[in-house]
């Protein structure tokens, strides 16, 4: 195979203050130094030239010594923004400008985990679909309403801009970029070296914890009652009768507190209970389906797959104690 021209594969990884070390380590492994096992597949050597870029002082014990200043982004073909531990703080103003300029020059823009906040601050995600760590998805959506946040995905590609979920989902995205650049065989070789699957089934949704919202006491009482009766046939009408509300009033108040409809919320809680039973018991899928109110194993599989992007059996293999 011909070697890949290095001047077409300059990758810059942005290290922000409070960065997540794993978000830097993964792209550094995929796009940085390649050992003999990997370069054996590339007669011209490693196909990428990686630079770490930061406004953080290299005197910080966690910051790699080889970091370059932010103006290095001017020569980058691919810009990867590593995540930060606390995305509630606004990104550095100079970094935002540099990212905006890089995107304007046509650089491929990538974020890992909460690095999406820097891309969003630069306006790069406006009108695009994107993802971030599920715990911070609501903040991203609220702060940048023009971004279509898809928190169920491991990574999202939208017109040359790539975003990934949590730190380990960054591995999935980096392998995807390698696959786009050099094909599946290259991604498979790197995945073996990383001891990682070339592609993970399902999305981030299988890792999300759905918490019970707090709100007005009347709806809180309804929520408590639903959770105590998940194994029963529930309808909007039956919940309305218990709550002594019309279905119209129930719909309005329930959505105001939970952000979704009554029956969607019921399905989410049934799947949450199924996840718990899959993790902690050896019950068969039929038994779990009935204990969660799905009525049949097929109904459980349909709802479970829709919400977690994986099957009950695969979920159990991954998470069972």
Protein backbone atom coordinates (compact mmCIF):
# COMPACT_ATOMS: atom_id res chain seq x y z
CA UNK A 1 0.00 0.00 0.00
CA UNK A 2 1.29 3.49 -0.82
CA UNK A 3 2.26 5.70 2.09
CA UNK A 4 -0.14 8.52 2.97
CA UNK A 5 1.21 12.05 2.33
CA UNK A 6 1.91 13.53 5.74
CA UNK A 7 1.15 17.05 4.60
CA UNK A 8 -2.46 15.93 4.08
CA UNK A 9 -2.78 14.33 7.52
CA UNK A 10 -1.68 16.89 10.07
CA UNK A 11 -3.70 16.28 13.24
CA UNK A 12 -3.84 18.74 16.13
CA UNK A 13 -5.25 17.67 19.50
CA UNK A 14 -6.43 20.58 21.64
CA UNK A 15 -5.62 20.31 25.36
CA UNK A 16 -7.84 22.67 27.35
CA UNK A 17 -7.50 23.69 31.01
CA UNK A 18 -9.02 20.93 33.15
CA UNK A 19 -8.73 18.45 30.28
CA UNK A 20 -9.59 14.75 30.58
CA UNK A 21 -6.29 12.85 30.11
CA UNK A 22 -7.90 9.88 28.37
CA UNK A 23 -9.41 12.22 25.77
CA UNK A 24 -5.86 13.17 24.81
CA UNK A 25 -4.31 9.71 25.13
CA UNK A 26 -6.72 8.00 22.70
CA UNK A 27 -6.21 10.27 19.65
CA UNK A 28 -2.49 10.41 20.47
CA UNK A 29 -2.39 6.63 20.21
CA UNK A 30 -4.43 6.44 17.01
CA UNK A 31 -2.93 9.41 15.14
CA UNK A 32 0.48 9.77 16.80
CA UNK A 33 3.43 7.41 17.11
CA UNK A 34 2.88 3.99 15.58
CA UNK A 35 5.03 1.05 16.76
CA UNK A 36 6.52 -1.50 14.38
CA UNK A 37 3.42 -3.70 14.53
CA UNK A 38 1.38 -0.91 12.93
CA UNK A 39 3.96 0.64 10.62
CA UNK A 40 4.56 -2.80 9.08
CA UNK A 41 1.27 -2.15 7.25
CA UNK A 42 2.47 1.26 6.06
CA UNK A 43 5.71 1.23 4.02
CA UNK A 44 5.98 5.02 4.27
CA UNK A 45 5.60 5.08 8.04
CA UNK A 46 2.72 6.30 10.20
CA UNK A 47 0.08 8.02 8.06
CA UNK A 48 -0.47 10.94 10.42
CA UNK A 49 1.57 13.73 11.95
CA UNK A 50 0.18 14.65 15.38
CA UNK A 51 0.69 17.80 17.42
CA UNK A 52 -0.67 18.62 20.87
CA UNK A 53 -1.90 22.21 21.06
CA UNK A 54 -2.73 24.11 24.22
CA UNK A 55 -2.93 27.41 26.03
CA UNK A 56 -2.20 25.49 29.25
CA UNK A 57 1.29 25.81 30.68
CA UNK A 58 3.42 22.71 30.16
CA UNK A 59 4.53 23.21 33.77
CA UNK A 60 1.23 21.60 34.76
CA UNK A 61 2.19 18.05 35.78
CA UNK A 62 -0.59 16.52 33.67
CA UNK A 63 0.12 18.52 30.51
CA UNK A 64 2.45 16.77 28.05
CA UNK A 65 5.73 18.63 27.57
CA UNK A 66 5.48 18.65 23.80
CA UNK A 67 2.46 20.99 23.60
CA UNK A 68 2.54 23.72 20.96
CA UNK A 69 0.82 27.15 21.06
CA UNK A 70 -2.69 27.63 19.72
CA UNK A 71 -1.52 29.26 16.50
CA UNK A 72 -0.33 25.79 15.43
CA UNK A 73 -3.97 25.13 14.53
CA UNK A 74 -3.37 27.23 11.40
CA UNK A 75 -1.65 24.27 9.72
CA UNK A 76 -3.88 21.46 10.99
CA UNK A 77 -5.98 19.40 8.59
CA UNK A 78 -7.85 17.71 11.43
CA UNK A 79 -8.55 19.43 14.77
CA UNK A 80 -9.55 17.21 17.70
CA UNK A 81 -10.80 18.98 20.84
CA UNK A 82 -10.36 16.88 23.99
CA UNK A 83 -13.01 17.09 26.69
CA UNK A 84 -12.85 18.89 30.03
CA UNK A 85 -13.95 17.70 33.43
CA UNK A 86 -16.16 20.74 34.06
CA UNK A 87 -17.87 22.04 30.91
CA UNK A 88 -19.93 24.56 32.90
CA UNK A 89 -16.97 26.96 32.52
CA UNK A 90 -16.88 28.77 29.17
CA UNK A 91 -14.06 27.77 26.79
CA UNK A 92 -11.04 30.05 26.35
CA UNK A 93 -11.89 33.01 24.09
CA UNK A 94 -8.72 32.69 22.01
CA UNK A 95 -9.30 28.98 21.53
CA UNK A 96 -12.85 29.63 20.32
CA UNK A 97 -11.54 32.08 17.73
CA UNK A 98 -8.83 29.65 16.60
CA UNK A 99 -11.39 26.86 16.21
CA UNK A 100 -13.67 29.11 14.22
CA UNK A 101 -10.79 30.07 11.92
CA UNK A 102 -9.72 26.43 11.46
CA UNK A 103 -13.24 25.45 10.50
CA UNK A 104 -13.43 28.36 8.09
CA UNK A 105 -10.26 27.12 6.39
CA UNK A 106 -11.83 23.72 5.87
CA UNK A 107 -10.17 21.70 8.64
CA UNK A 108 -11.95 18.56 9.74
CA UNK A 109 -13.36 19.39 13.20
CA UNK A 110 -13.67 16.70 15.88
CA UNK A 111 -14.58 16.70 19.57
CA UNK A 112 -14.32 14.03 22.21
CA UNK A 113 -16.74 14.00 25.13
CA UNK A 114 -17.27 17.54 26.48
CA UNK A 115 -14.96 19.00 23.85
CA UNK A 116 -18.24 19.56 22.00
CA UNK A 117 -18.83 22.64 24.17
CA UNK A 118 -15.84 24.40 22.59
CA UNK A 119 -17.07 23.60 19.08
CA UNK A 120 -20.55 24.80 20.02
CA UNK A 121 -19.16 28.02 21.53
CA UNK A 122 -17.38 28.66 18.23
CA UNK A 123 -20.68 28.25 16.37
CA UNK A 124 -19.38 25.22 14.49
CA UNK A 125 -22.26 23.03 15.68
CA UNK A 126 -25.00 25.51 14.82
CA UNK A 127 -27.65 23.75 12.75
CA UNK A 128 -25.82 20.44 13.08
CA UNK A 129 -26.44 17.21 14.95
CA UNK A 130 -23.91 16.49 17.68
CA UNK A 131 -23.37 14.46 20.82
CA UNK A 132 -21.47 14.67 24.09
CA UNK A 133 -21.32 12.70 27.34
CA UNK A 134 -24.91 11.86 28.32
CA UNK A 135 -24.51 13.53 31.73
CA UNK A 136 -23.84 16.90 30.05
CA UNK A 137 -26.23 16.55 27.11
CA UNK A 138 -28.96 18.69 28.66
CA UNK A 139 -26.50 21.49 29.43
CA UNK A 140 -25.27 21.43 25.83
CA UNK A 141 -28.85 21.54 24.56
CA UNK A 142 -29.90 24.34 26.90
CA UNK A 143 -26.81 26.50 26.33
CA UNK A 144 -26.76 26.05 22.55
CA UNK A 145 -30.36 25.56 21.37
CA UNK A 146 -29.34 25.67 17.70
CA UNK A 147 -27.47 22.37 18.16
CA UNK A 148 -29.45 19.16 17.61
CA UNK A 149 -28.10 17.11 20.53
CA UNK A 150 -28.30 13.33 20.03
CA UNK A 151 -27.21 11.93 23.37
CA UNK A 152 -28.11 8.34 22.45
CA UNK A 153 -25.20 8.05 20.00
CA UNK A 154 -21.59 7.01 20.58
CA UNK A 155 -20.53 9.49 17.92
CA UNK A 156 -22.18 11.72 15.34
CA UNK A 157 -20.95 12.85 11.93
CA UNK A 158 -22.60 15.87 10.34
CA UNK A 159 -21.16 17.48 7.20
CA UNK A 160 -17.51 17.16 8.11
CA UNK A 161 -17.90 17.80 11.84
CA UNK A 162 -17.54 14.85 14.21
CA UNK A 163 -18.49 14.62 17.89
CA UNK A 164 -18.28 11.70 20.32
CA UNK A 165 -19.85 10.81 23.64
CA UNK A 166 -17.80 9.94 26.75
CA UNK A 167 -14.04 9.40 26.78
CA UNK A 168 -14.13 5.76 25.65
CA UNK A 169 -16.51 6.66 22.84
CA UNK A 170 -13.61 8.76 21.59
CA UNK A 171 -11.94 5.47 20.68
CA UNK A 172 -14.95 4.56 18.54
CA UNK A 173 -14.79 7.91 16.79
CA UNK A 174 -11.02 7.81 16.21
CA UNK A 175 -11.32 4.34 14.69
CA UNK A 176 -14.15 5.65 12.53
CA UNK A 177 -11.95 8.49 11.25
CA UNK A 178 -9.15 6.01 10.54
CA UNK A 179 -11.67 3.86 8.66
CA UNK A 180 -12.78 6.85 6.57
CA UNK A 181 -9.18 7.78 5.75
CA UNK A 182 -7.65 4.36 5.12
CA UNK A 183 -10.37 1.71 5.07
CA UNK A 184 -11.70 -1.01 7.33
CA UNK A 185 -8.50 -3.06 7.31
CA UNK A 186 -6.53 -0.18 8.85
CA UNK A 187 -9.22 0.35 11.50
CA UNK A 188 -9.23 -3.37 12.30
CA UNK A 189 -5.45 -3.42 12.69
CA UNK A 190 -5.51 -0.44 15.05
CA UNK A 191 -8.44 -1.92 16.99
CA UNK A 192 -6.46 -5.12 17.58
CA UNK A 193 -3.54 -3.08 18.83
CA UNK A 194 -5.83 -1.12 21.18
CA UNK A 195 -7.56 -4.37 22.26
CA UNK A 196 -10.84 -2.74 21.25
CA UNK A 197 -13.69 -3.80 18.99
CA UNK A 198 -13.53 -2.06 15.59
CA UNK A 199 -17.16 -1.10 16.06
CA UNK A 200 -19.33 -1.34 19.16
CA UNK A 201 -22.95 -2.38 18.85
CA UNK A 202 -25.51 0.03 20.21
CA UNK A 203 -25.01 3.60 21.30
CA UNK A 204 -24.48 5.71 24.37
CA UNK A 205 -28.12 5.17 25.34
CA UNK A 206 -27.31 1.83 26.96
CA UNK A 207 -25.17 3.69 29.54
CA UNK A 208 -27.58 6.52 30.40
CA UNK A 209 -29.18 6.62 33.82
CA UNK A 210 -32.70 8.04 33.74
CA UNK A 211 -33.38 9.74 37.07
CA UNK A 212 -36.83 10.29 38.52
CA UNK A 213 -37.54 14.03 38.26
CA UNK A 214 -38.72 16.15 41.13
CA UNK A 215 -41.49 18.65 40.63
CA UNK A 216 -44.90 19.66 41.85
CA UNK A 217 -46.14 17.32 44.56
CA UNK A 218 -49.22 16.22 42.63
CA UNK A 219 -47.15 14.91 39.73
CA UNK A 220 -44.57 13.48 42.15
CA UNK A 221 -47.36 11.40 43.67
CA UNK A 222 -48.38 10.21 40.20
CA UNK A 223 -44.78 9.25 39.43
CA UNK A 224 -44.48 7.31 42.68
CA UNK A 225 -47.71 5.46 41.91
CA UNK A 226 -46.58 4.59 38.38
CA UNK A 227 -43.28 3.18 39.67
CA UNK A 228 -45.18 1.01 42.15
CA UNK A 229 -47.43 -0.34 39.38
CA UNK A 230 -45.06 -0.75 36.43
CA UNK A 231 -45.89 -4.45 36.15
CA UNK A 232 -49.56 -3.65 35.54
CA UNK A 233 -51.26 -2.63 32.25
CA UNK A 234 -50.99 1.16 32.38
CA UNK A 235 -52.73 3.57 30.02
CA UNK A 236 -53.08 7.32 29.96
CA UNK A 237 -56.67 6.87 31.08
CA UNK A 238 -55.84 4.60 34.02
CA UNK A 239 -53.11 6.96 35.23
CA UNK A 240 -55.53 9.88 34.83
CA UNK A 241 -58.19 8.10 36.90
CA UNK A 242 -55.71 7.50 39.70
CA UNK A 243 -54.50 11.11 39.63
CA UNK A 244 -58.07 12.50 39.51
CA UNK A 245 -57.08 14.62 36.49
CA UNK A 246 -58.42 14.78 33.00
CA UNK A 247 -56.08 13.26 30.43
CA UNK A 248 -55.53 16.72 28.97
CA UNK A 249 -54.45 18.20 32.33
CA UNK A 250 -52.32 15.15 33.11
CA UNK A 251 -50.51 15.41 29.76
CA UNK A 252 -49.73 19.09 30.29
CA UNK A 253 -48.55 18.84 33.89
CA UNK A 254 -46.60 15.64 33.37
CA UNK A 255 -44.68 17.03 30.40
CA UNK A 256 -43.91 20.23 32.31
CA UNK A 257 -42.19 18.18 35.04
CA UNK A 258 -40.60 15.32 33.06
CA UNK A 259 -40.14 16.83 29.61
CA UNK A 260 -41.92 13.93 27.93
CA UNK A 261 -45.31 12.24 27.67
CA UNK A 262 -46.79 9.95 30.29
CA UNK A 263 -46.53 6.78 28.23
CA UNK A 264 -43.03 7.55 26.94
CA UNK A 265 -41.93 8.03 30.53
CA UNK A 266 -43.60 4.75 31.54
CA UNK A 267 -41.70 2.95 28.77
CA UNK A 268 -38.42 4.53 29.91
CA UNK A 269 -38.98 3.39 33.49
CA UNK A 270 -39.95 -0.11 32.39
CA UNK A 271 -36.73 -0.35 30.39
CA UNK A 272 -34.79 1.02 33.38
CA UNK A 273 -36.25 -1.73 35.57
CA UNK A 274 -35.48 -4.32 32.89
CA UNK A 275 -31.88 -3.12 32.83
CA UNK A 276 -31.64 -3.55 36.58
CA UNK A 277 -33.05 -7.08 36.41
CA UNK A 278 -30.75 -8.01 33.52
CA UNK A 279 -27.76 -6.77 35.52
CA UNK A 280 -28.62 -8.29 38.90
CA UNK A 281 -30.68 -11.45 38.29
CA UNK A 282 -30.69 -14.57 36.12
CA UNK A 283 -34.36 -14.25 35.26
CA UNK A 284 -35.29 -15.13 31.70
CA UNK A 285 -36.38 -12.39 29.30
CA UNK A 286 -40.02 -13.58 29.48
CA UNK A 287 -40.08 -13.23 33.27
CA UNK A 288 -38.41 -9.83 33.12
CA UNK A 289 -40.87 -8.66 30.49
CA UNK A 290 -43.84 -9.49 32.71
CA UNK A 291 -42.26 -8.01 35.84
CA UNK A 292 -41.71 -4.75 33.97
CA UNK A 293 -45.20 -4.59 32.45
CA UNK A 294 -44.27 -5.26 28.83
CA UNK A 295 -46.48 -8.31 28.59
CA UNK A 296 -44.22 -10.27 26.26
CA UNK A 297 -40.54 -10.78 25.54
CA UNK A 298 -41.04 -9.37 22.04
CA UNK A 299 -42.53 -6.14 23.40
CA UNK A 300 -39.59 -5.84 25.82
CA UNK A 301 -37.07 -6.34 23.00
CA UNK A 302 -38.72 -3.70 20.83
CA UNK A 303 -38.82 -1.04 23.56
CA UNK A 304 -35.43 -1.98 25.00
CA UNK A 305 -33.69 -1.77 21.62
CA UNK A 306 -35.42 1.51 20.77
CA UNK A 307 -34.19 3.17 23.98
CA UNK A 308 -30.75 1.60 24.49
CA UNK A 309 -29.73 0.78 20.90
CA UNK A 310 -28.85 -2.78 21.92
CA UNK A 311 -30.72 -6.00 22.70
CA UNK A 312 -31.50 -7.32 26.20
CA UNK A 313 -29.16 -10.29 25.67
CA UNK A 314 -26.26 -8.09 24.55
CA UNK A 315 -26.91 -5.72 27.42
CA UNK A 316 -26.79 -8.58 29.93
CA UNK A 317 -23.51 -9.88 28.49
CA UNK A 318 -21.99 -6.42 28.92
CA UNK A 319 -23.32 -5.37 32.31
CA UNK A 320 -24.35 -8.45 34.30
CA UNK A 321 -22.44 -8.89 37.55
